[in-house]
Amino acid sequence: MYLPIPIKGPFSLDAAGVAGFFGGDETLSAMATVHLYRGRRWLGWYNSPGSYTVAKKYGQLANSRLWDGLFPGPNPEPAEAFGLDGKPGPRYVASLSGTDMTTGHLAYLTVQMSKDLKRVTIQGESSTATLPASVTVIHVGDVTDMRRVGMMSINHALLAAIPITISIATCFSCAVVNDWLAFSLILLGIISSGITCFVIGTARLELRAPKNVTPGVPPGDGLLLTTRDVVVLKGPEKDVNAITKGHFLLGMHGEPEYRRVGLCSLLLLAQFMLQLLLIPQATLFGQAMFLSSLAVSWVYNSFLSSLESEKIQENLLCKALKVEKDSIQKICLQNRRSQAVFACSVLSHGIETNEDFDAERMLSLFVPNKTKVWNLWRKKVASQLKSTCPDKKFHLAAKEKEGLCEEQYKLLKTFLEDARLAFEAYRECAPNLYSVPNTPTCEGKITSKNCNVKQNAGSARQDQKSGRLRGGLDDTMLSVAYRGFELGTRPTAAVFAMLVLRPQPESASAFRGTQNPLPNKTAVWNKLQDTDWKENLKSLGTYDERILLTELLNNAGDAFQGCYNQSVGGGKNAQGESQQKNG
């Protein structure tokens, strides 16, 4: 016996209902430009495809149990969700301060920008041409206002008038033929897309980087190293930090839950479900109008996607850093060793006699080979880079030839000839490669979330999901994993952590050794970690070095006082008082 099931009726489904699945990637790329073009947030009033993809992507920004249930997945930061942050940058090595660190999104953009520049090729011996490598020299301007990043012209965004007009026209046409179902669904798409674009576009794009540097700190000149090319950064520490430690930030309303974004994503999801179920019930004319509006909107979204968000970010970054692309010099050399000599020659300008400039170490970043020939080459080239004599001598003396066989001598002679040619090329380009660095003057502070010390406004915020303290205004703000302390500078954090670990000698020893947060090997940093600070202060050669060490010692004193006030490690008891007296 069979039970008859009615399968015929007025209700039907066809291909028009699944149109919301398509065009999602293009819509996401177009939505990522809403913070980059002036007036773009007002121009989203058209029936856009891909509503399901957009809802699932941006719904993850909403941060609560309800929204995590509706849109499961990680909760990224707004800047990361819109492709404005999150890309890992290259390694950065400073020539004077000893800083060696990995960078972030802005340094990644800097390297990508250097790849698109026109280059000047340096001719050398054709027999030594192996793998061409470039050196890009960037002078960072005086970065004074990082609170707001400029926006691109509204010209490209004005093309949104085309899909807006088509969507309104198709909606009106459906009303003329009394197809109110298609009319309402196209209108729903216009409203949901426009509201979403407006809500997301209200976020402010800002450049966040450490504002404070220690008085007396040396210039931030250094290298951004990639597997093949290198970018030389020149400028004060405060300004170079904008590239090496900075990031884009989207100041979106409703932080940290972002309920408005969650509601917009819910609206887009409802739009998709209604269009999926009801568009097949519209007339053939209504379905044609609906698909026409989606097609035109998809073409416009594809156009916005073709503009390449990263290139737009590069232009905005240059404006924020006051760097003109025409002023950036890019030199292409024939091999890695020539690149090393050229880049280190740029860094050594004016600081040849500075003992903190380790020319041999900088050369080893390019050619780390530990063979006899390479060791002799680095030693010879480093001695010339440290020499103030304008005429560099790259030929071998009689004593330097001892112990070399014929093949080794021939190879070393070839390497030194490449170094000579690279230095000659540097001298020709030198007039266009330099600017006068500014002297930064700022101070660091110590703050604690559990005490009454004055706190830097906006310096950090608590990530509710992970419990970690994340940097805000000042990315140099460090946290000690004990009672949520935040410290304004790394020296302060190091001394503070050592005081916490004093009752545990093994942990304190490891902290000084392999886990030392102050690995810099310059004269000032070495003397900071010594005990006889007064004698060290007298032995420093320059006035700037003495100023820098004095400021670092003041930070250490702040750490002692802050640790005692909070009685870290023992509470306000006899043990804590005894530690303060001994300190």
Protein backbone atom coordinates (compact mmCIF):
# COMPACT_ATOMS: atom_id res chain seq x y z
CA MET A 1 0.00 0.00 0.00
CA TYR A 2 1.42 3.36 -1.01
CA LEU A 3 0.64 6.69 0.56
CA PRO A 4 0.10 9.31 -2.16
CA ILE A 5 2.27 12.39 -1.62
CA PRO A 6 1.29 15.53 -3.54
CA ILE A 7 4.31 16.83 -5.41
CA LYS A 8 2.58 19.30 -7.66
CA GLY A 9 1.42 22.72 -6.66
CA PRO A 10 2.04 26.43 -7.04
CA PHE A 11 5.19 26.34 -4.86
CA SER A 12 8.44 25.64 -6.79
CA LEU A 13 12.19 26.22 -6.60
CA ASP A 14 14.51 27.14 -9.47
CA ALA A 15 18.06 28.39 -10.04
CA ALA A 16 17.24 32.05 -9.30
CA GLY A 17 16.92 31.31 -5.59
CA VAL A 18 20.53 30.20 -5.16
CA ALA A 19 21.99 33.40 -6.62
CA GLY A 20 22.86 34.57 -3.12
CA PHE A 21 25.58 31.90 -2.95
CA PHE A 22 27.53 33.44 -5.83
CA GLY A 23 29.71 36.54 -5.89
CA GLY A 24 30.62 36.31 -2.20
CA ASP A 25 34.40 36.68 -2.64
CA GLU A 26 34.02 39.76 -4.83
CA THR A 27 31.58 41.31 -2.33
CA LEU A 28 34.01 40.70 0.54
CA SER A 29 36.82 42.36 -1.40
CA ALA A 30 34.58 45.30 -2.25
CA MET A 31 33.45 45.64 1.37
CA ALA A 32 37.12 45.76 2.48
CA THR A 33 37.50 49.09 0.61
CA VAL A 34 34.78 50.82 2.60
CA HIS A 35 37.39 52.29 4.99
CA LEU A 36 39.82 53.28 2.25
CA TYR A 37 37.70 55.54 0.01
CA ARG A 38 36.12 58.78 1.14
CA GLY A 39 32.32 58.57 1.17
CA ARG A 40 32.28 54.85 0.35
CA ARG A 41 30.07 53.99 3.35
CA TRP A 42 27.19 56.02 1.88
CA LEU A 43 27.26 54.17 -1.45
CA GLY A 44 26.23 50.63 -0.58
CA TRP A 45 22.55 50.93 -1.47
CA TYR A 46 22.29 48.28 -4.17
CA ASN A 47 21.17 44.65 -4.31
CA SER A 48 24.51 42.93 -3.81
CA PRO A 49 25.14 39.20 -4.34
CA GLY A 50 26.94 36.94 -1.87
CA SER A 51 24.93 37.95 1.19
CA TYR A 52 25.42 34.52 2.78
CA THR A 53 29.22 34.68 2.48
CA VAL A 54 29.35 38.23 3.84
CA ALA A 55 27.10 37.32 6.78
CA LYS A 56 29.24 34.30 7.75
CA LYS A 57 32.48 36.28 7.43
CA TYR A 58 31.60 39.45 9.32
CA GLY A 59 29.26 37.76 11.75
CA GLN A 60 32.35 36.36 13.44
CA LEU A 61 33.28 39.89 14.51
CA ALA A 62 30.37 39.89 16.97
CA ASN A 63 31.77 38.65 20.25
CA SER A 64 29.29 37.01 22.61
CA ARG A 65 27.81 33.57 23.22
CA LEU A 66 24.74 34.37 21.14
CA TRP A 67 26.70 35.54 18.11
CA ASP A 68 29.29 32.77 18.47
CA GLY A 69 26.43 30.28 18.25
CA LEU A 70 24.98 31.89 15.12
CA PHE A 71 28.35 32.53 13.45
CA PRO A 72 30.84 29.99 14.84
CA GLY A 73 34.56 30.46 14.36
CA PRO A 74 37.37 32.66 15.64
CA ASN A 75 36.66 36.27 16.58
CA PRO A 76 39.22 38.34 14.67
CA GLU A 77 39.99 41.98 15.29
CA PRO A 78 38.14 44.33 12.88
CA ALA A 79 41.35 45.38 11.11
CA GLU A 80 42.30 41.75 10.55
CA ALA A 81 38.81 40.83 9.32
CA PHE A 82 38.98 43.55 6.66
CA GLY A 83 42.53 42.68 5.54
CA LEU A 84 44.11 45.72 7.21
CA ASP A 85 46.25 43.71 9.63
CA GLY A 86 47.45 40.18 10.26
CA LYS A 87 50.12 39.72 7.61
CA PRO A 88 53.50 38.68 9.10
CA GLY A 89 56.31 41.06 8.27
CA PRO A 90 60.02 40.46 7.62
CA ARG A 91 62.82 40.38 10.17
CA TYR A 92 64.05 43.77 11.34
CA VAL A 93 67.60 44.32 12.61
CA ALA A 94 68.70 47.74 13.91
CA SER A 95 72.26 48.86 13.21
CA LEU A 96 72.87 50.71 16.50
CA SER A 97 70.35 49.70 19.17
CA GLY A 98 70.84 45.96 18.64
CA THR A 99 67.13 45.34 18.14
CA ASP A 100 66.37 42.08 16.31
CA MET A 101 62.67 41.37 15.95
CA THR A 102 59.92 40.12 13.70
CA THR A 103 57.60 42.78 12.31
CA GLY A 104 53.96 43.00 11.35
CA HIS A 105 51.56 44.18 8.70
CA LEU A 106 53.01 47.64 8.06
CA ALA A 107 56.50 46.27 7.47
CA TYR A 108 54.94 43.71 5.13
CA LEU A 109 53.30 46.55 3.18
CA THR A 110 56.64 48.39 3.07
CA VAL A 111 58.37 45.39 1.52
CA GLN A 112 55.54 44.87 -0.97
CA MET A 113 55.72 48.52 -1.95
CA SER A 114 59.47 48.24 -2.57
CA LYS A 115 58.87 45.43 -5.06
CA ASP A 116 56.79 47.69 -7.33
CA LEU A 117 59.30 50.54 -7.50
CA LYS A 118 61.46 51.32 -10.50
CA ARG A 119 65.02 50.24 -9.88
CA VAL A 120 68.45 51.44 -10.92
CA THR A 121 70.66 48.53 -12.00
CA ILE A 122 74.33 48.65 -11.04
CA GLN A 123 76.57 47.05 -13.66
CA GLY A 124 79.44 44.86 -12.49
CA GLU A 125 81.56 41.97 -13.64
CA SER A 126 79.34 39.70 -15.69
CA SER A 127 81.22 36.64 -14.42
CA THR A 128 80.12 37.36 -10.83
CA ALA A 129 76.43 37.93 -11.61
CA THR A 130 74.58 35.19 -9.73
CA LEU A 131 71.22 36.13 -8.22
CA PRO A 132 70.24 39.80 -8.62
CA ALA A 133 69.22 41.43 -5.35
CA SER A 134 67.96 44.92 -4.60
CA VAL A 135 68.45 47.48 -1.84
CA THR A 136 65.61 49.95 -1.20
CA VAL A 137 66.38 53.01 0.94
CA ILE A 138 63.46 54.71 2.71
CA HIS A 139 63.76 57.87 4.79
CA VAL A 140 60.85 57.96 7.22
CA GLY A 141 59.44 61.45 7.79
CA ASP A 142 58.48 63.08 11.07
CA VAL A 143 55.41 61.08 12.06
CA THR A 144 53.50 63.51 14.26
CA ASP A 145 49.81 62.60 13.91
CA MET A 146 49.01 58.90 13.84
CA ARG A 147 45.46 59.10 15.17
CA ARG A 148 43.78 59.24 11.78
CA VAL A 149 44.82 57.80 8.43
CA GLY A 150 43.77 59.68 5.32
CA MET A 151 41.45 58.21 2.71
CA MET A 152 41.60 57.90 -1.05
CA SER A 153 39.59 60.06 -3.43
CA ILE A 154 35.87 59.40 -3.85
CA ASN A 155 36.21 59.08 -7.66
CA HIS A 156 36.17 55.28 -7.85
CA ALA A 157 33.45 55.01 -5.23
CA LEU A 158 31.15 57.28 -7.26
CA LEU A 159 30.82 54.49 -9.82
CA ALA A 160 28.45 52.92 -7.28
CA ALA A 161 25.81 55.18 -8.84
CA ILE A 162 25.52 52.58 -11.63
CA PRO A 163 24.46 49.55 -9.52
CA ILE A 164 22.38 51.82 -7.26
CA THR A 165 20.45 53.16 -10.28
CA ILE A 166 19.97 49.68 -11.78
CA SER A 167 18.75 48.22 -8.47
CA ILE A 168 16.24 51.03 -7.97
CA ALA A 169 15.10 50.79 -11.62
CA THR A 170 14.54 47.02 -11.46
CA CYS A 171 12.69 47.41 -8.17
CA PHE A 172 10.42 50.08 -9.71
CA SER A 173 9.85 47.94 -12.81
CA CYS A 174 8.61 45.05 -10.68
CA ALA A 175 6.18 47.40 -8.97
CA VAL A 176 4.86 48.58 -12.36
CA VAL A 177 3.93 45.03 -13.39
CA ASN A 178 2.49 44.32 -9.92
CA ASP A 179 5.14 41.70 -9.05
CA TRP A 180 5.28 42.77 -5.44
CA LEU A 181 7.20 39.69 -4.34
CA ALA A 182 10.19 40.46 -6.56
CA PHE A 183 9.81 44.15 -5.69
CA SER A 184 10.03 43.48 -1.94
CA LEU A 185 12.99 41.09 -2.25
CA ILE A 186 15.04 43.50 -4.38
CA LEU A 187 14.18 46.29 -1.95
CA LEU A 188 15.25 44.05 0.96
CA GLY A 189 18.60 43.47 -0.75
CA ILE A 190 19.09 47.21 -1.26
CA ILE A 191 18.27 48.04 2.37
CA SER A 192 20.34 45.24 3.94
CA SER A 193 23.39 45.99 1.80
CA GLY A 194 23.13 49.75 2.42
CA ILE A 195 22.74 49.41 6.19
CA THR A 196 25.63 46.95 6.42
CA CYS A 197 27.93 49.16 4.37
CA PHE A 198 27.04 52.19 6.50
CA VAL A 199 27.51 50.44 9.86
CA ILE A 200 30.84 48.92 8.88
CA GLY A 201 31.99 52.15 7.23
CA THR A 202 31.56 54.18 10.42
CA ALA A 203 34.77 52.62 11.80
CA ARG A 204 37.77 54.97 11.92
CA LEU A 205 41.02 53.79 10.37
CA GLU A 206 43.99 54.74 12.54
CA LEU A 207 47.71 54.06 12.62
CA ARG A 208 48.87 52.87 16.04
CA ALA A 209 52.54 52.79 16.97
CA PRO A 210 54.65 53.51 20.07
CA LYS A 211 54.76 57.26 20.66
CA ASN A 212 57.34 57.24 23.44
CA VAL A 213 61.03 56.50 23.07
CA THR A 214 63.73 56.76 25.72
CA PRO A 215 65.66 60.06 25.62
CA GLY A 216 69.11 59.54 24.12
CA VAL A 217 68.13 56.46 22.15
CA PRO A 218 70.11 56.15 18.88
CA PRO A 219 68.46 56.51 15.45
CA GLY A 220 66.24 53.65 14.35
CA ASP A 221 68.27 52.90 11.20
CA GLY A 222 68.02 49.23 10.32
CA LEU A 223 67.22 46.52 7.80
CA LEU A 224 64.02 44.77 6.78
CA LEU A 225 65.36 41.43 5.57
CA THR A 226 63.65 39.13 3.09
CA THR A 227 64.97 36.02 1.40
CA ARG A 228 66.19 38.05 -1.56
CA ASP A 229 65.77 41.81 -1.22
CA VAL A 230 66.37 44.22 1.65
CA VAL A 231 64.83 47.52 2.72
CA VAL A 232 67.01 50.03 4.58
CA LEU A 233 65.05 52.25 6.97
CA LYS A 234 66.57 55.61 7.93
CA GLY A 235 65.14 57.93 10.54
CA PRO A 236 64.64 58.55 14.25
CA GLU A 237 63.58 55.64 16.43
CA LYS A 238 60.13 57.17 16.99
CA ASP A 239 59.39 57.34 13.28
CA VAL A 240 60.90 53.98 12.30
CA ASN A 241 58.80 52.35 15.05
CA ALA A 242 55.71 53.25 13.03
CA ILE A 243 56.81 50.66 10.45
CA THR A 244 58.47 48.04 12.65
CA LYS A 245 56.03 48.10 15.59
CA GLY A 246 52.96 49.85 14.21
CA HIS A 247 49.69 48.50 12.89
CA PHE A 248 46.41 49.67 11.43
CA LEU A 249 43.48 49.80 13.83
CA LEU A 250 39.78 50.07 13.06
CA GLY A 251 37.99 51.98 15.80
CA MET A 252 34.56 50.39 15.47
CA HIS A 253 31.61 51.29 17.71
CA GLY A 254 30.31 48.76 20.22
CA GLU A 255 33.65 47.25 21.18
CA PRO A 256 34.18 44.45 22.16
CA GLU A 257 30.84 42.78 21.34
CA TYR A 258 30.12 44.64 18.06
CA ARG A 259 26.39 44.02 18.29
CA ARG A 260 25.63 46.27 15.33
CA VAL A 261 27.80 44.15 13.06
CA GLY A 262 26.09 41.03 14.41
CA LEU A 263 22.65 42.48 13.66
CA CYS A 264 23.73 43.43 10.13
CA SER A 265 25.02 39.91 9.55
CA LEU A 266 21.73 38.51 10.83
CA LEU A 267 19.86 40.80 8.41
CA LEU A 268 21.99 39.58 5.50
CA LEU A 269 21.38 35.98 6.50
CA ALA A 270 17.61 36.60 6.65
CA GLN A 271 17.80 38.28 3.23
CA PHE A 272 19.51 35.23 1.78
CA MET A 273 16.96 32.80 3.23
CA LEU A 274 13.98 34.84 2.02
CA GLN A 275 15.43 35.27 -1.48
CA LEU A 276 16.25 31.56 -1.63
CA LEU A 277 12.67 30.57 -0.84
CA LEU A 278 10.56 33.33 -2.39
CA ILE A 279 12.27 34.43 -5.61
CA PRO A 280 11.15 31.22 -7.40
CA GLN A 281 7.56 32.25 -6.64
CA ALA A 282 7.93 35.55 -8.49
CA THR A 283 7.00 36.02 -12.13
CA LEU A 284 9.49 35.40 -14.89
CA PHE A 285 9.85 39.15 -15.39
CA GLY A 286 10.48 39.67 -11.68
CA GLN A 287 13.13 36.95 -11.60
CA ALA A 288 14.83 38.52 -14.63
CA MET A 289 14.87 41.92 -12.90
CA PHE A 290 16.27 40.35 -9.72
CA LEU A 291 19.09 38.59 -11.58
CA SER A 292 19.83 41.75 -13.59
CA SER A 293 20.35 43.79 -10.42
CA LEU A 294 22.65 41.09 -9.01
CA ALA A 295 24.67 40.92 -12.24
CA VAL A 296 25.34 44.66 -12.38
CA SER A 297 26.23 44.72 -8.67
CA TRP A 298 28.61 41.81 -9.18
CA VAL A 299 30.40 43.70 -11.99
CA TYR A 300 30.84 46.74 -9.71
CA ASN A 301 32.13 44.58 -6.83
CA SER A 302 34.58 42.92 -9.20
CA PHE A 303 35.83 46.36 -10.24
CA LEU A 304 36.46 47.32 -6.61
CA SER A 305 38.25 44.00 -6.07
CA SER A 306 40.58 44.75 -8.97
CA LEU A 307 41.85 47.92 -7.28
CA GLU A 308 43.99 45.79 -4.90
CA SER A 309 43.43 46.76 -1.30
CA GLU A 310 47.09 46.27 -0.40
CA LYS A 311 48.27 48.89 -2.91
CA ILE A 312 45.72 51.33 -1.53
CA GLN A 313 47.04 50.62 1.98
CA GLU A 314 50.59 51.24 0.76
CA ASN A 315 49.60 54.68 -0.54
CA LEU A 316 47.84 55.54 2.72
CA LEU A 317 50.87 54.35 4.70
CA CYS A 318 53.21 56.56 2.68
CA LYS A 319 50.99 59.57 3.34
CA ALA A 320 50.85 58.81 7.06
CA LEU A 321 54.65 58.40 7.25
CA LYS A 322 55.22 61.49 5.07
CA VAL A 323 57.17 59.47 2.52
CA GLU A 324 57.01 60.35 -1.15
CA LYS A 325 57.33 57.31 -3.39
CA ASP A 326 59.46 59.32 -5.81
CA SER A 327 62.01 59.90 -3.03
CA ILE A 328 62.51 56.19 -2.36
CA GLN A 329 65.69 54.85 -3.96
CA LYS A 330 65.89 51.26 -5.20
CA ILE A 331 69.22 49.87 -6.36
CA CYS A 332 69.61 46.47 -8.02
CA LEU A 333 72.94 44.68 -7.65
CA GLN A 334 74.25 41.52 -9.25
CA ASN A 335 74.75 39.31 -6.21
CA ARG A 336 74.15 38.97 -2.49
CA ARG A 337 77.60 40.13 -1.33
CA SER A 338 77.35 43.33 -3.36
CA GLN A 339 73.94 43.91 -1.82
CA ALA A 340 75.46 43.43 1.64
CA VAL A 341 78.21 46.01 1.03
CA PHE A 342 75.82 48.57 -0.43
CA ALA A 343 73.24 48.25 2.37
CA CYS A 344 75.85 48.34 5.14
CA SER A 345 77.52 51.36 3.51
CA VAL A 346 74.21 53.21 3.72
CA LEU A 347 73.87 52.27 7.40
CA SER A 348 77.47 53.18 8.27
CA HIS A 349 77.21 56.75 6.98
CA GLY A 350 78.18 59.10 9.81
CA ILE A 351 78.54 56.38 12.46
CA GLU A 352 81.76 54.68 11.30
CA THR A 353 83.50 55.22 14.66
CA ASN A 354 80.48 54.32 16.80
CA GLU A 355 81.36 51.20 18.78
CA ASP A 356 77.74 50.02 18.74
CA PHE A 357 77.82 49.70 14.95
CA ASP A 358 78.97 46.11 14.42
CA ALA A 359 79.70 46.07 10.69
CA GLU A 360 80.77 42.42 10.67
CA ARG A 361 77.51 41.35 12.33
CA MET A 362 75.45 43.33 9.80
CA LEU A 363 77.34 41.73 6.92
CA SER A 364 76.73 38.26 8.37
CA LEU A 365 72.98 38.87 8.06
CA PHE A 366 73.44 38.67 4.28
CA VAL A 367 76.22 36.07 4.02
CA PRO A 368 76.33 33.97 7.21
CA ASN A 369 78.74 31.38 5.71
CA LYS A 370 81.43 30.35 8.21
CA THR A 371 84.16 29.29 5.78
CA LYS A 372 87.67 30.71 5.90
CA VAL A 373 87.20 32.83 2.78
CA TRP A 374 83.92 34.35 3.93
CA ASN A 375 85.30 35.06 7.42
CA LEU A 376 88.26 36.92 5.91
CA TRP A 377 85.95 38.77 3.51
CA ARG A 378 83.64 39.95 6.27
CA LYS A 379 86.58 41.02 8.43
CA LYS A 380 88.18 42.98 5.59
CA VAL A 381 84.96 44.68 4.44
CA ALA A 382 83.92 45.46 8.03
CA SER A 383 87.25 47.18 8.69
CA GLN A 384 86.69 49.41 5.68
CA LEU A 385 83.10 50.20 6.67
CA LYS A 386 84.38 51.28 10.09
CA SER A 387 87.07 53.44 8.52
CA THR A 388 86.51 57.19 8.12
CA CYS A 389 88.92 57.33 5.19
CA PRO A 390 86.96 58.18 2.01
CA ASP A 391 89.18 55.90 -0.10
CA LYS A 392 88.35 52.34 0.84
CA LYS A 393 91.00 49.71 0.19
CA PHE A 394 89.68 46.28 -0.61
CA HIS A 395 92.94 44.65 -1.73
CA LEU A 396 94.70 42.00 0.37
CA ALA A 397 97.84 42.77 2.32
CA ALA A 398 100.73 40.33 2.40
CA LYS A 399 99.85 39.06 5.89
CA GLU A 400 96.22 38.48 4.88
CA LYS A 401 97.28 36.18 2.07
CA GLU A 402 99.05 33.78 4.43
CA GLY A 403 97.39 30.40 4.80
CA LEU A 404 95.36 30.71 1.62
CA CYS A 405 95.69 28.26 -1.21
CA GLU A 406 95.52 29.43 -4.81
CA GLU A 407 91.78 28.72 -5.18
CA GLN A 408 90.91 30.45 -1.92
CA TYR A 409 93.01 33.50 -2.80
CA LYS A 410 91.37 33.76 -6.23
CA LEU A 411 87.89 33.45 -4.72
CA LEU A 412 88.57 36.03 -2.01
CA LYS A 413 90.05 38.43 -4.56
CA THR A 414 86.86 38.14 -6.65
CA PHE A 415 84.67 38.76 -3.60
CA LEU A 416 86.67 41.84 -2.63
CA GLU A 417 86.45 43.21 -6.16
CA ASP A 418 82.66 42.89 -5.94
CA ALA A 419 82.80 44.78 -2.63
CA ARG A 420 84.85 47.55 -4.23
CA LEU A 421 82.40 47.92 -7.13
CA ALA A 422 79.45 47.95 -4.73
CA PHE A 423 81.06 50.71 -2.66
CA GLU A 424 81.81 52.74 -5.78
CA ALA A 425 78.16 52.41 -6.76
CA TYR A 426 77.17 53.54 -3.27
CA ARG A 427 79.34 56.67 -3.53
CA GLU A 428 77.69 57.58 -6.82
CA CYS A 429 74.22 57.23 -5.32
CA ALA A 430 75.12 58.75 -1.94
CA PRO A 431 73.90 62.33 -2.60
CA ASN A 432 70.33 61.06 -2.96
CA LEU A 433 70.34 58.65 -0.04
CA TYR A 434 70.58 60.74 3.12
CA SER A 435 68.44 62.92 5.32
CA VAL A 436 69.11 64.52 8.68
CA PRO A 437 67.56 62.50 11.55
CA ASN A 438 65.55 64.21 14.24
CA THR A 439 66.24 63.75 17.94
CA PRO A 440 63.31 62.12 19.73
CA THR A 441 62.45 63.15 23.27
CA CYS A 442 59.86 61.11 25.16
CA GLU A 443 59.55 59.23 28.41
CA GLY A 444 58.22 55.87 29.57
CA LYS A 445 55.83 55.22 32.47
CA ILE A 446 54.92 52.33 34.73
CA THR A 447 51.26 51.50 35.30
CA SER A 448 49.34 48.75 37.05
CA LYS A 449 45.73 47.70 36.74
CA ASN A 450 45.64 46.83 40.44
CA CYS A 451 47.06 50.03 41.95
CA ASN A 452 46.32 53.74 42.13
CA VAL A 453 49.18 54.79 39.84
CA LYS A 454 48.02 57.08 37.01
CA GLN A 455 47.29 54.95 33.95
CA ASN A 456 48.00 55.87 30.33
CA ALA A 457 44.67 56.45 28.61
CA GLY A 458 43.95 53.72 26.13
CA SER A 459 47.30 52.02 26.71
CA ALA A 460 45.91 48.49 26.79
CA ARG A 461 42.69 46.53 26.89
CA GLN A 462 41.66 43.11 28.10
CA ASP A 463 40.83 40.45 25.55
CA GLN A 464 37.75 38.84 27.07
CA LYS A 465 38.24 35.52 25.32
CA SER A 466 41.92 34.89 25.99
CA GLY A 467 42.49 37.07 29.06
CA ARG A 468 45.60 38.57 27.46
CA LEU A 469 46.53 42.21 27.59
CA ARG A 470 46.73 43.63 24.11
CA GLY A 471 48.57 46.82 23.14
CA GLY A 472 46.63 49.97 22.50
CA LEU A 473 48.19 53.41 22.13
CA ASP A 474 51.67 52.19 23.04
CA ASP A 475 52.79 48.84 21.68
CA THR A 476 55.88 48.95 23.89
CA MET A 477 53.58 48.32 26.85
CA LEU A 478 54.54 44.93 28.28
CA SER A 479 52.70 42.72 30.75
CA VAL A 480 54.10 40.51 33.52
CA ALA A 481 52.03 37.34 33.95
CA TYR A 482 51.35 38.08 37.63
CA ARG A 483 48.37 40.15 38.81
CA GLY A 484 48.03 41.84 35.40
CA PHE A 485 50.84 44.41 35.68
CA GLU A 486 51.55 46.62 32.67
CA LEU A 487 54.93 48.30 32.32
CA GLY A 488 55.81 51.16 30.05
CA THR A 489 59.24 50.02 28.82
CA ARG A 490 61.13 46.77 28.39
CA PRO A 491 63.90 47.65 30.92
CA THR A 492 61.21 48.37 33.52
CA ALA A 493 59.53 45.04 32.73
CA ALA A 494 62.85 43.18 33.00
CA VAL A 495 63.70 44.59 36.43
CA PHE A 496 60.14 44.12 37.63
CA ALA A 497 60.11 40.45 36.55
CA MET A 498 63.47 39.84 38.22
CA LEU A 499 62.03 41.13 41.51
CA VAL A 500 59.08 38.77 41.15
CA LEU A 501 61.47 35.84 40.60
CA ARG A 502 63.86 36.70 43.44
CA PRO A 503 62.42 34.01 45.77
CA GLN A 504 63.06 31.45 42.95
CA PRO A 505 66.80 31.49 42.11
CA GLU A 506 66.48 28.90 39.32
CA SER A 507 63.81 30.90 37.50
CA ALA A 508 65.76 34.11 37.97
CA SER A 509 68.89 32.51 36.51
CA ALA A 510 67.00 31.29 33.45
CA PHE A 511 65.48 34.75 33.05
CA ARG A 512 68.96 36.30 32.91
CA GLY A 513 70.17 33.65 30.47
CA THR A 514 68.33 32.24 27.48
CA GLN A 515 65.07 34.07 28.30
CA ASN A 516 66.66 37.45 28.87
CA PRO A 517 64.25 40.15 27.60
CA LEU A 518 67.22 42.51 27.06
CA PRO A 519 69.37 40.63 24.52
CA ASN A 520 70.80 43.83 22.97
CA LYS A 521 74.60 43.79 22.92
CA THR A 522 75.35 47.52 22.72
CA ALA A 523 77.52 49.39 25.22
CA VAL A 524 74.57 51.01 27.00
CA TRP A 525 72.57 47.79 27.36
CA ASN A 526 75.56 45.81 28.57
CA LYS A 527 76.27 48.38 31.28
CA LEU A 528 72.60 48.53 32.28
CA GLN A 529 72.70 44.85 33.31
CA ASP A 530 75.92 45.30 35.30
CA THR A 531 76.05 46.17 39.02
CA ASP A 532 78.46 49.10 39.22
CA TRP A 533 76.24 51.61 37.44
CA LYS A 534 78.04 54.76 38.55
CA GLU A 535 81.36 53.63 37.10
CA ASN A 536 79.63 52.47 33.92
CA LEU A 537 78.04 55.90 33.53
CA LYS A 538 81.47 57.57 33.69
CA SER A 539 82.98 55.14 31.17
CA LEU A 540 80.45 55.84 28.41
CA GLY A 541 81.97 57.92 25.66
CA THR A 542 79.22 60.21 24.40
CA TYR A 543 76.71 62.50 26.04
CA ASP A 544 73.76 60.73 24.34
CA GLU A 545 74.89 57.38 25.75
CA ARG A 546 75.04 58.79 29.29
CA ILE A 547 71.57 60.33 28.90
CA LEU A 548 70.18 57.00 27.61
CA LEU A 549 71.68 54.94 30.47
CA THR A 550 70.43 57.46 33.06
CA GLU A 551 66.88 57.19 31.68
CA LEU A 552 67.03 53.39 31.68
CA LEU A 553 68.22 53.40 35.28
CA ASN A 554 65.29 55.65 36.18
CA ASN A 555 62.97 53.06 34.64
CA ALA A 556 64.63 50.39 36.77
CA GLY A 557 64.04 52.54 39.86
CA ASP A 558 60.37 52.85 38.94
CA ALA A 559 60.19 49.06 38.75
CA PHE A 560 61.70 48.70 42.22
CA GLN A 561 59.23 51.20 43.68
CA GLY A 562 56.22 49.74 41.88
CA CYS A 563 57.12 46.20 42.92
CA TYR A 564 57.48 47.21 46.56
CA ASN A 565 54.23 49.22 46.59
CA GLN A 566 52.30 46.20 45.40
CA SER A 567 54.34 43.72 47.50
CA VAL A 568 54.72 41.35 44.58
CA GLY A 569 55.83 37.85 45.64
CA GLY A 570 55.05 38.23 49.32
CA GLY A 571 52.18 40.62 50.00
CA LYS A 572 52.45 43.49 52.46
CA ASN A 573 54.18 41.40 55.10
CA ALA A 574 57.54 41.17 56.76
CA GLN A 575 59.08 39.36 53.80
CA GLY A 576 58.08 42.12 51.40
CA GLU A 577 59.42 44.83 53.72
CA SER A 578 62.68 42.95 54.09
CA GLN A 579 63.06 42.69 50.30
CA GLN A 580 62.49 46.44 49.95
CA LYS A 581 65.12 47.27 52.52
CA ASN A 582 67.63 44.97 50.82
CA GLY A 583 66.77 46.51 47.44
